[in-house]
Amino acid sequence: MPEIEPFYVFRTTLFIALAAYYAVSISSAAWRVGVLLHGDDPRKRLLRLYFSYQLLSFRARPLSGELLQIAFWVTILVLLWWLHTHL
């Protein structure tokens, strides 16, 4: 019977915990936004219109530095994962 590596158990447990936390927090936020925007009240209609405008007029140019930094760190993370699994 092969020996179970503790780091593998830690890594898998951490991944499962973070994936569950992500799923719960995103679904909770989506539910709250849906409840907030639901209804025929004129203020809620205005809020829905404003929210739609913000989503459609998103410009990545002011955020390009941040997006590049996020892409860099994701690349480093994927490279580390690849090195860990293939070497």
C-alpha atoms as a PDB file:
ATOM      1  CA  MET A   1       0.000   0.000   0.000  1.00  0.00           C
ATOM      2  CA  PRO A   2       1.530   3.352  -1.007  1.00  0.00           C
ATOM      3  CA  GLU A   3       2.197   5.923   1.674  1.00  0.00           C
ATOM      4  CA  ILE A   4      -0.044   9.007   1.649  1.00  0.00           C
ATOM      5  CA  GLU A   5       1.933  12.202   1.283  1.00  0.00           C
ATOM      6  CA  PRO A   6       0.858  14.852   3.863  1.00  0.00           C
ATOM      7  CA  PHE A   7       1.398  17.736   1.441  1.00  0.00           C
ATOM      8  CA  TYR A   8      -0.950  16.112  -1.070  1.00  0.00           C
ATOM      9  CA  VAL A   9      -3.650  15.831   1.605  1.00  0.00           C
ATOM     10  CA  PHE A  10      -3.057  19.452   2.682  1.00  0.00           C
ATOM     11  CA  ARG A  11      -3.149  20.737  -0.898  1.00  0.00           C
ATOM     12  CA  THR A  12      -6.317  18.828  -1.730  1.00  0.00           C
ATOM     13  CA  THR A  13      -8.059  19.894   1.483  1.00  0.00           C
ATOM     14  CA  LEU A  14      -7.095  23.518   0.931  1.00  0.00           C
ATOM     15  CA  PHE A  15      -8.358  23.405  -2.652  1.00  0.00           C
ATOM     16  CA  ILE A  16     -11.693  21.889  -1.628  1.00  0.00           C
ATOM     17  CA  ALA A  17     -12.155  24.395   1.205  1.00  0.00           C
ATOM     18  CA  LEU A  18     -11.365  27.394  -1.000  1.00  0.00           C
ATOM     19  CA  ALA A  19     -13.544  26.131  -3.848  1.00  0.00           C
ATOM     20  CA  ALA A  20     -16.471  25.646  -1.451  1.00  0.00           C
ATOM     21  CA  TYR A  21     -15.939  29.100   0.089  1.00  0.00           C
ATOM     22  CA  TYR A  22     -15.780  30.660  -3.379  1.00  0.00           C
ATOM     23  CA  ALA A  23     -18.962  28.927  -4.516  1.00  0.00           C
ATOM     24  CA  VAL A  24     -20.894  29.891  -1.374  1.00  0.00           C
ATOM     25  CA  SER A  25     -19.731  33.520  -1.349  1.00  0.00           C
ATOM     26  CA  ILE A  26     -20.381  34.098  -5.066  1.00  0.00           C
ATOM     27  CA  SER A  27     -23.817  32.486  -4.962  1.00  0.00           C
ATOM     28  CA  SER A  28     -24.710  34.439  -1.812  1.00  0.00           C
ATOM     29  CA  ALA A  29     -23.646  37.725  -3.399  1.00  0.00           C
ATOM     30  CA  ALA A  30     -25.569  36.924  -6.590  1.00  0.00           C
ATOM     31  CA  TRP A  31     -28.658  36.067  -4.548  1.00  0.00           C
ATOM     32  CA  ARG A  32     -28.448  39.352  -2.585  1.00  0.00           C
ATOM     33  CA  VAL A  33     -28.020  41.389  -5.781  1.00  0.00           C
ATOM     34  CA  GLY A  34     -30.977  39.588  -7.341  1.00  0.00           C
ATOM     35  CA  VAL A  35     -33.158  40.327  -4.316  1.00  0.00           C
ATOM     36  CA  LEU A  36     -31.999  43.952  -4.316  1.00  0.00           C
ATOM     37  CA  LEU A  37     -32.810  44.475  -7.995  1.00  0.00           C
ATOM     38  CA  HIS A  38     -36.139  42.599  -8.025  1.00  0.00           C
ATOM     39  CA  GLY A  39     -39.362  44.606  -8.062  1.00  0.00           C
ATOM     40  CA  ASP A  40     -41.307  47.330  -9.881  1.00  0.00           C
ATOM     41  CA  ASP A  41     -40.388  50.201  -7.599  1.00  0.00           C
ATOM     42  CA  PRO A  42     -39.142  53.168  -9.686  1.00  0.00           C
ATOM     43  CA  ARG A  43     -35.982  53.389  -7.554  1.00  0.00           C
ATOM     44  CA  LYS A  44     -35.200  49.730  -8.222  1.00  0.00           C
ATOM     45  CA  ARG A  45     -35.786  50.204 -11.941  1.00  0.00           C
ATOM     46  CA  LEU A  46     -33.374  53.135 -11.882  1.00  0.00           C
ATOM     47  CA  LEU A  47     -30.863  51.009  -9.975  1.00  0.00           C
ATOM     48  CA  ARG A  48     -31.221  48.201 -12.545  1.00  0.00           C
ATOM     49  CA  LEU A  49     -30.707  50.701 -15.367  1.00  0.00           C
ATOM     50  CA  TYR A  50     -27.638  52.186 -13.669  1.00  0.00           C
ATOM     51  CA  PHE A  51     -26.219  48.721 -12.998  1.00  0.00           C
ATOM     52  CA  SER A  52     -26.767  47.720 -16.641  1.00  0.00           C
ATOM     53  CA  TYR A  53     -25.075  50.912 -17.812  1.00  0.00           C
ATOM     54  CA  GLN A  54     -22.072  50.245 -15.579  1.00  0.00           C
ATOM     55  CA  LEU A  55     -21.722  46.707 -16.936  1.00  0.00           C
ATOM     56  CA  LEU A  56     -21.989  47.840 -20.562  1.00  0.00           C
ATOM     57  CA  SER A  57     -19.642  50.830 -20.253  1.00  0.00           C
ATOM     58  CA  PHE A  58     -16.805  48.953 -18.533  1.00  0.00           C
ATOM     59  CA  ARG A  59     -13.406  50.105 -19.756  1.00  0.00           C
ATOM     60  CA  ALA A  60     -10.320  48.019 -19.125  1.00  0.00           C
ATOM     61  CA  ARG A  61      -7.843  50.785 -20.046  1.00  0.00           C
ATOM     62  CA  PRO A  62      -7.668  52.366 -16.546  1.00  0.00           C
ATOM     63  CA  LEU A  63      -7.312  48.886 -15.040  1.00  0.00           C
ATOM     64  CA  SER A  64      -4.730  47.553 -17.483  1.00  0.00           C
ATOM     65  CA  GLY A  65      -1.871  47.660 -14.968  1.00  0.00           C
ATOM     66  CA  GLU A  66      -3.866  45.712 -12.414  1.00  0.00           C
ATOM     67  CA  LEU A  67      -5.057  43.222 -15.021  1.00  0.00           C
ATOM     68  CA  LEU A  68      -1.477  42.659 -16.185  1.00  0.00           C
ATOM     69  CA  GLN A  69      -0.369  42.069 -12.607  1.00  0.00           C
ATOM     70  CA  ILE A  70      -3.180  39.562 -12.055  1.00  0.00           C
ATOM     71  CA  ALA A  71      -2.238  37.782 -15.287  1.00  0.00           C
ATOM     72  CA  PHE A  72       1.418  37.679 -14.208  1.00  0.00           C
ATOM     73  CA  TRP A  73       0.661  36.145 -10.803  1.00  0.00           C
ATOM     74  CA  VAL A  74      -1.751  33.614 -12.309  1.00  0.00           C
ATOM     75  CA  THR A  75       0.968  32.622 -14.772  1.00  0.00           C
ATOM     76  CA  ILE A  76       3.455  32.188 -11.923  1.00  0.00           C
ATOM     77  CA  LEU A  77       0.923  30.096 -10.002  1.00  0.00           C
ATOM     78  CA  VAL A  78       0.265  27.847 -13.001  1.00  0.00           C
ATOM     79  CA  LEU A  79       4.015  27.502 -13.601  1.00  0.00           C
ATOM     80  CA  LEU A  80       4.598  26.498  -9.971  1.00  0.00           C
ATOM     81  CA  TRP A  81       1.779  23.983 -10.156  1.00  0.00           C
ATOM     82  CA  TRP A  82       3.168  22.541 -13.369  1.00  0.00           C
ATOM     83  CA  LEU A  83       6.671  22.270 -11.894  1.00  0.00           C
ATOM     84  CA  HIS A  84       5.284  20.590  -8.792  1.00  0.00           C
ATOM     85  CA  THR A  85       3.333  17.986 -10.727  1.00  0.00           C
ATOM     86  CA  HIS A  86       5.851  17.265 -13.504  1.00  0.00           C
ATOM     87  CA  LEU A  87       9.216  17.312 -11.742  1.00  0.00           C
END
